[in-house]
Amino acid sequence: MRKVPSFGVLISFLIVPVLLTEVVVWADWPEIWTKLPEGGKVQFGAETVRGEADFWIYAVVFTADTIPILASGNLEVEKAFMSLLETIHKHYPNRLVLFVKISNWSWVEYFFPTNFVFTQFRRQYQVTYADILPLDKGFLGGRMAPNVMLLGFIVVPEGIDTSQPFTLRYGYGKGVFNLRKVQGEK
């Protein structure tokens, strides 16, 4: 049985959430988003059955190639991200990691990371808390106050063939990753 990294593993990277928040909150997120490779990022609303979006989900493949873009030129953040990626891969070897940003509007909503589901080839893969690496406690789930942002990582479940397109779903919203597009852009 694989050892699941505890919240304490991420506590050793306390500087990362502070630096990350500086980049993601104060930097121009739309500009960062446009620089990230197509196929390696998704953006969608967490839609209800009526098609209303409760909040927005942004997810991007977290790799040595995307870290400089996410760090937006901040070498301190980039170094911290690289250390974090290395630590995550020690606990989850050969697994793809997604950086996830949840943005709420001006009303109260509820978010639970275990509501994420991956699909591929007519198969469904549940996300468990063993796949969740929060950068703040709010990413563990529960009530979201108005106008907040939650940050964390999801380790893509075993069984997903990342060389083929796969879908990330939350509620009735979804986004498709196609890493072959990313490889084609290099």
C-alpha atoms as a PDB file:
ATOM      1  CA  MET A   1       0.000   0.000   0.000  1.00  0.00           C
ATOM      2  CA  ARG A   2       1.355   3.398  -0.990  1.00  0.00           C
ATOM      3  CA  LYS A   3       2.035   5.816   1.816  1.00  0.00           C
ATOM      4  CA  VAL A   4      -0.196   8.856   1.456  1.00  0.00           C
ATOM      5  CA  PRO A   5       1.571  12.142   2.166  1.00  0.00           C
ATOM      6  CA  SER A   6       0.131  13.805   5.199  1.00  0.00           C
ATOM      7  CA  PHE A   7      -0.877  17.408   5.438  1.00  0.00           C
ATOM      8  CA  GLY A   8       2.380  17.760   7.375  1.00  0.00           C
ATOM      9  CA  VAL A   9       4.366  17.036   4.211  1.00  0.00           C
ATOM     10  CA  LEU A  10       2.881  20.142   2.670  1.00  0.00           C
ATOM     11  CA  ILE A  11       3.336  22.127   5.884  1.00  0.00           C
ATOM     12  CA  SER A  12       7.066  21.912   5.197  1.00  0.00           C
ATOM     13  CA  PHE A  13       6.282  24.078   2.183  1.00  0.00           C
ATOM     14  CA  LEU A  14       4.535  26.857   4.072  1.00  0.00           C
ATOM     15  CA  ILE A  15       6.324  29.365   1.899  1.00  0.00           C
ATOM     16  CA  VAL A  16       4.688  27.930  -1.235  1.00  0.00           C
ATOM     17  CA  PRO A  17       1.092  28.957  -0.413  1.00  0.00           C
ATOM     18  CA  VAL A  18       2.211  32.459   0.515  1.00  0.00           C
ATOM     19  CA  LEU A  19       4.244  32.860  -2.654  1.00  0.00           C
ATOM     20  CA  LEU A  20       1.619  31.137  -4.771  1.00  0.00           C
ATOM     21  CA  THR A  21      -1.111  33.387  -3.450  1.00  0.00           C
ATOM     22  CA  GLU A  22       1.069  36.375  -4.288  1.00  0.00           C
ATOM     23  CA  VAL A  23       1.409  35.178  -7.878  1.00  0.00           C
ATOM     24  CA  VAL A  24      -2.109  33.873  -8.455  1.00  0.00           C
ATOM     25  CA  VAL A  25      -4.026  36.556  -6.564  1.00  0.00           C
ATOM     26  CA  TRP A  26      -2.037  39.680  -7.327  1.00  0.00           C
ATOM     27  CA  ALA A  27      -0.630  38.797 -10.725  1.00  0.00           C
ATOM     28  CA  ASP A  28      -2.713  38.970 -13.854  1.00  0.00           C
ATOM     29  CA  TRP A  29      -4.282  35.493 -13.803  1.00  0.00           C
ATOM     30  CA  PRO A  30      -5.827  35.881 -17.299  1.00  0.00           C
ATOM     31  CA  GLU A  31      -2.375  36.668 -18.702  1.00  0.00           C
ATOM     32  CA  ILE A  32      -0.832  33.641 -16.966  1.00  0.00           C
ATOM     33  CA  TRP A  33      -3.708  31.468 -18.188  1.00  0.00           C
ATOM     34  CA  THR A  34      -3.229  32.454 -21.839  1.00  0.00           C
ATOM     35  CA  LYS A  35       0.459  31.481 -21.681  1.00  0.00           C
ATOM     36  CA  LEU A  36      -0.290  27.946 -20.445  1.00  0.00           C
ATOM     37  CA  PRO A  37      -0.330  25.316 -23.217  1.00  0.00           C
ATOM     38  CA  GLU A  38      -3.674  24.328 -24.744  1.00  0.00           C
ATOM     39  CA  GLY A  39      -4.511  20.716 -24.001  1.00  0.00           C
ATOM     40  CA  GLY A  40      -2.764  20.957 -20.630  1.00  0.00           C
ATOM     41  CA  LYS A  41      -5.342  23.212 -18.983  1.00  0.00           C
ATOM     42  CA  VAL A  42      -9.097  23.314 -18.500  1.00  0.00           C
ATOM     43  CA  GLN A  43     -11.491  25.963 -17.253  1.00  0.00           C
ATOM     44  CA  PHE A  44     -15.159  25.339 -16.564  1.00  0.00           C
ATOM     45  CA  GLY A  45     -18.031  26.219 -14.289  1.00  0.00           C
ATOM     46  CA  ALA A  46     -19.157  23.799 -11.591  1.00  0.00           C
ATOM     47  CA  GLU A  47     -22.615  23.661 -13.122  1.00  0.00           C
ATOM     48  CA  THR A  48     -25.863  22.616 -11.509  1.00  0.00           C
ATOM     49  CA  VAL A  49     -28.461  20.488 -13.277  1.00  0.00           C
ATOM     50  CA  ARG A  50     -30.029  23.769 -14.474  1.00  0.00           C
ATOM     51  CA  GLY A  51     -26.778  24.807 -16.164  1.00  0.00           C
ATOM     52  CA  GLU A  52     -25.940  27.511 -13.630  1.00  0.00           C
ATOM     53  CA  ALA A  53     -22.283  27.734 -12.611  1.00  0.00           C
ATOM     54  CA  ASP A  54     -21.767  27.819  -8.843  1.00  0.00           C
ATOM     55  CA  PHE A  55     -18.059  28.656  -9.117  1.00  0.00           C
ATOM     56  CA  TRP A  56     -15.220  28.407 -11.630  1.00  0.00           C
ATOM     57  CA  ILE A  57     -12.612  25.675 -11.771  1.00  0.00           C
ATOM     58  CA  TYR A  58      -9.207  26.165 -13.368  1.00  0.00           C
ATOM     59  CA  ALA A  59      -6.897  23.142 -13.610  1.00  0.00           C
ATOM     60  CA  VAL A  60      -3.494  22.898 -15.247  1.00  0.00           C
ATOM     61  CA  VAL A  61      -0.965  20.097 -15.516  1.00  0.00           C
ATOM     62  CA  PHE A  62       1.723  20.860 -12.910  1.00  0.00           C
ATOM     63  CA  THR A  63       5.080  20.040 -14.537  1.00  0.00           C
ATOM     64  CA  ALA A  64       8.564  21.476 -14.865  1.00  0.00           C
ATOM     65  CA  ASP A  65       7.316  23.057 -18.124  1.00  0.00           C
ATOM     66  CA  THR A  66       4.283  24.822 -16.617  1.00  0.00           C
ATOM     67  CA  ILE A  67       5.891  25.908 -13.351  1.00  0.00           C
ATOM     68  CA  PRO A  68       7.831  28.859 -14.869  1.00  0.00           C
ATOM     69  CA  ILE A  69       4.588  30.120 -16.419  1.00  0.00           C
ATOM     70  CA  LEU A  70       2.662  29.772 -13.150  1.00  0.00           C
ATOM     71  CA  ALA A  71       5.518  31.462 -11.263  1.00  0.00           C
ATOM     72  CA  SER A  72       5.232  34.389 -13.674  1.00  0.00           C
ATOM     73  CA  GLY A  73       8.933  35.256 -13.562  1.00  0.00           C
ATOM     74  CA  ASN A  74       9.251  35.032  -9.772  1.00  0.00           C
ATOM     75  CA  LEU A  75      12.346  32.846  -9.294  1.00  0.00           C
ATOM     76  CA  GLU A  76      11.630  32.294  -5.598  1.00  0.00           C
ATOM     77  CA  VAL A  77       8.178  30.906  -6.428  1.00  0.00           C
ATOM     78  CA  GLU A  78       9.574  28.832  -9.280  1.00  0.00           C
ATOM     79  CA  LYS A  79      12.190  27.258  -7.006  1.00  0.00           C
ATOM     80  CA  ALA A  80       9.566  26.496  -4.335  1.00  0.00           C
ATOM     81  CA  PHE A  81       7.245  24.958  -6.965  1.00  0.00           C
ATOM     82  CA  MET A  82      10.041  22.758  -8.317  1.00  0.00           C
ATOM     83  CA  SER A  83      10.804  21.509  -4.788  1.00  0.00           C
ATOM     84  CA  LEU A  84       7.127  20.845  -4.204  1.00  0.00           C
ATOM     85  CA  LEU A  85       6.797  18.952  -7.505  1.00  0.00           C
ATOM     86  CA  GLU A  86       9.817  16.824  -6.607  1.00  0.00           C
ATOM     87  CA  THR A  87       8.314  15.998  -3.204  1.00  0.00           C
ATOM     88  CA  ILE A  88       4.939  15.121  -4.714  1.00  0.00           C
ATOM     89  CA  HIS A  89       6.594  12.802  -7.242  1.00  0.00           C
ATOM     90  CA  LYS A  90       8.462  11.019  -4.433  1.00  0.00           C
ATOM     91  CA  HIS A  91       5.088  10.104  -2.925  1.00  0.00           C
ATOM     92  CA  TYR A  92       3.303   9.573  -6.259  1.00  0.00           C
ATOM     93  CA  PRO A  93       5.900   8.274  -8.734  1.00  0.00           C
ATOM     94  CA  ASN A  94       4.946   8.404 -12.417  1.00  0.00           C
ATOM     95  CA  ARG A  95       1.642  10.162 -11.706  1.00  0.00           C
ATOM     96  CA  LEU A  96       0.393  13.336 -13.338  1.00  0.00           C
ATOM     97  CA  VAL A  97      -0.408  16.221 -10.973  1.00  0.00           C
ATOM     98  CA  LEU A  98      -2.916  19.018 -11.585  1.00  0.00           C
ATOM     99  CA  PHE A  99      -2.745  22.453  -9.989  1.00  0.00           C
ATOM    100  CA  VAL A 100      -6.338  23.505  -9.272  1.00  0.00           C
ATOM    101  CA  LYS A 101      -7.750  26.949  -8.542  1.00  0.00           C
ATOM    102  CA  ILE A 102     -11.370  27.356  -7.417  1.00  0.00           C
ATOM    103  CA  SER A 103     -12.863  30.865  -7.703  1.00  0.00           C
ATOM    104  CA  ASN A 104     -16.125  31.747  -5.981  1.00  0.00           C
ATOM    105  CA  TRP A 105     -18.389  34.735  -6.591  1.00  0.00           C
ATOM    106  CA  SER A 106     -20.314  36.897  -4.193  1.00  0.00           C
ATOM    107  CA  TRP A 107     -22.441  34.203  -2.587  1.00  0.00           C
ATOM    108  CA  VAL A 108     -21.892  31.201  -0.343  1.00  0.00           C
ATOM    109  CA  GLU A 109     -21.220  27.877  -2.069  1.00  0.00           C
ATOM    110  CA  TYR A 110     -20.050  24.421  -1.072  1.00  0.00           C
ATOM    111  CA  PHE A 111     -16.999  22.734  -2.569  1.00  0.00           C
ATOM    112  CA  PHE A 112     -15.687  19.225  -1.979  1.00  0.00           C
ATOM    113  CA  PRO A 113     -12.615  18.016  -3.897  1.00  0.00           C
ATOM    114  CA  THR A 114     -13.875  14.430  -3.749  1.00  0.00           C
ATOM    115  CA  ASN A 115     -16.688  15.519  -6.107  1.00  0.00           C
ATOM    116  CA  PHE A 116     -14.116  15.656  -8.906  1.00  0.00           C
ATOM    117  CA  VAL A 117     -14.392  12.698 -11.266  1.00  0.00           C
ATOM    118  CA  PHE A 118     -12.118  11.725 -14.140  1.00  0.00           C
ATOM    119  CA  THR A 119     -13.500   9.877 -17.157  1.00  0.00           C
ATOM    120  CA  GLN A 120     -11.776   8.163 -20.042  1.00  0.00           C
ATOM    121  CA  PHE A 121     -12.836   5.405 -22.462  1.00  0.00           C
ATOM    122  CA  ARG A 122     -16.275   5.004 -20.816  1.00  0.00           C
ATOM    123  CA  ARG A 123     -14.655   4.471 -17.408  1.00  0.00           C
ATOM    124  CA  GLN A 124     -15.002   6.647 -14.334  1.00  0.00           C
ATOM    125  CA  TYR A 125     -12.266   7.315 -11.761  1.00  0.00           C
ATOM    126  CA  GLN A 126     -13.204   8.764  -8.381  1.00  0.00           C
ATOM    127  CA  VAL A 127     -10.968  11.222  -6.568  1.00  0.00           C
ATOM    128  CA  THR A 128     -10.310  10.377  -2.921  1.00  0.00           C
ATOM    129  CA  TYR A 129      -8.692  12.422  -0.187  1.00  0.00           C
ATOM    130  CA  ALA A 130      -5.523  10.389  -0.823  1.00  0.00           C
ATOM    131  CA  ASP A 131      -5.395  12.148  -4.237  1.00  0.00           C
ATOM    132  CA  ILE A 132      -5.856  15.652  -2.772  1.00  0.00           C
ATOM    133  CA  LEU A 133      -2.963  17.896  -1.739  1.00  0.00           C
ATOM    134  CA  PRO A 134      -4.360  21.172  -0.385  1.00  0.00           C
ATOM    135  CA  LEU A 135      -2.440  24.422  -0.397  1.00  0.00           C
ATOM    136  CA  ASP A 136      -4.982  25.772   2.058  1.00  0.00           C
ATOM    137  CA  LYS A 137      -7.462  24.057   4.379  1.00  0.00           C
ATOM    138  CA  GLY A 138     -10.423  25.320   2.369  1.00  0.00           C
ATOM    139  CA  PHE A 139      -9.394  23.030  -0.482  1.00  0.00           C
ATOM    140  CA  LEU A 140     -10.272  20.049   1.746  1.00  0.00           C
ATOM    141  CA  GLY A 141     -13.925  20.963   1.287  1.00  0.00           C
ATOM    142  CA  GLY A 142     -16.885  22.587   2.935  1.00  0.00           C
ATOM    143  CA  ARG A 143     -18.539  25.967   2.906  1.00  0.00           C
ATOM    144  CA  MET A 144     -16.896  28.648   0.755  1.00  0.00           C
ATOM    145  CA  ALA A 145     -17.430  32.227   1.812  1.00  0.00           C
ATOM    146  CA  PRO A 146     -18.182  34.766  -0.930  1.00  0.00           C
ATOM    147  CA  ASN A 147     -15.321  35.998  -3.136  1.00  0.00           C
ATOM    148  CA  VAL A 148     -12.718  33.433  -2.085  1.00  0.00           C
ATOM    149  CA  MET A 149     -10.151  31.401  -3.943  1.00  0.00           C
ATOM    150  CA  LEU A 150      -9.102  27.858  -3.007  1.00  0.00           C
ATOM    151  CA  LEU A 151      -5.833  26.301  -4.183  1.00  0.00           C
ATOM    152  CA  GLY A 152      -4.579  22.751  -4.241  1.00  0.00           C
ATOM    153  CA  PHE A 153      -3.369  19.809  -6.252  1.00  0.00           C
ATOM    154  CA  ILE A 154      -5.085  16.669  -7.482  1.00  0.00           C
ATOM    155  CA  VAL A 155      -3.033  13.617  -8.365  1.00  0.00           C
ATOM    156  CA  VAL A 156      -4.578  12.031 -11.461  1.00  0.00           C
ATOM    157  CA  PRO A 157      -5.899   8.576 -10.503  1.00  0.00           C
ATOM    158  CA  GLU A 158      -4.029   5.457 -11.532  1.00  0.00           C
ATOM    159  CA  GLY A 159      -5.550   3.872 -14.607  1.00  0.00           C
ATOM    160  CA  ILE A 160      -5.849   7.114 -16.576  1.00  0.00           C
ATOM    161  CA  ASP A 161      -3.797   6.908 -19.780  1.00  0.00           C
ATOM    162  CA  THR A 162      -2.403  10.449 -19.906  1.00  0.00           C
ATOM    163  CA  SER A 163      -1.178   9.904 -23.472  1.00  0.00           C
ATOM    164  CA  GLN A 164      -4.867   9.901 -24.462  1.00  0.00           C
ATOM    165  CA  PRO A 165      -7.511  12.596 -23.875  1.00  0.00           C
ATOM    166  CA  PHE A 166      -9.247  12.436 -20.480  1.00  0.00           C
ATOM    167  CA  THR A 167     -11.986  14.491 -18.869  1.00  0.00           C
ATOM    168  CA  LEU A 168     -12.115  16.217 -15.484  1.00  0.00           C
ATOM    169  CA  ARG A 169     -15.676  16.676 -14.217  1.00  0.00           C
ATOM    170  CA  TYR A 170     -17.291  18.495 -11.314  1.00  0.00           C
ATOM    171  CA  GLY A 171     -21.070  18.520 -11.089  1.00  0.00           C
ATOM    172  CA  TYR A 172     -22.325  18.989 -14.626  1.00  0.00           C
ATOM    173  CA  GLY A 173     -19.246  20.968 -15.677  1.00  0.00           C
ATOM    174  CA  LYS A 174     -16.261  19.425 -17.430  1.00  0.00           C
ATOM    175  CA  GLY A 175     -12.996  20.071 -19.225  1.00  0.00           C
ATOM    176  CA  VAL A 176     -10.933  17.805 -21.476  1.00  0.00           C
ATOM    177  CA  PHE A 177      -7.169  17.412 -21.179  1.00  0.00           C
ATOM    178  CA  ASN A 178      -5.340  16.366 -24.336  1.00  0.00           C
ATOM    179  CA  LEU A 179      -1.625  16.207 -23.619  1.00  0.00           C
ATOM    180  CA  ARG A 180      -0.905  15.210 -27.224  1.00  0.00           C
ATOM    181  CA  LYS A 181      -1.698  18.845 -28.079  1.00  0.00           C
ATOM    182  CA  VAL A 182       0.849  19.971 -25.487  1.00  0.00           C
ATOM    183  CA  GLN A 183       3.516  17.700 -27.001  1.00  0.00           C
ATOM    184  CA  GLY A 184       2.694  19.103 -30.448  1.00  0.00           C
ATOM    185  CA  GLU A 185       3.283  22.680 -29.233  1.00  0.00           C
ATOM    186  CA  LYS A 186       6.862  21.967 -28.136  1.00  0.00           C
END
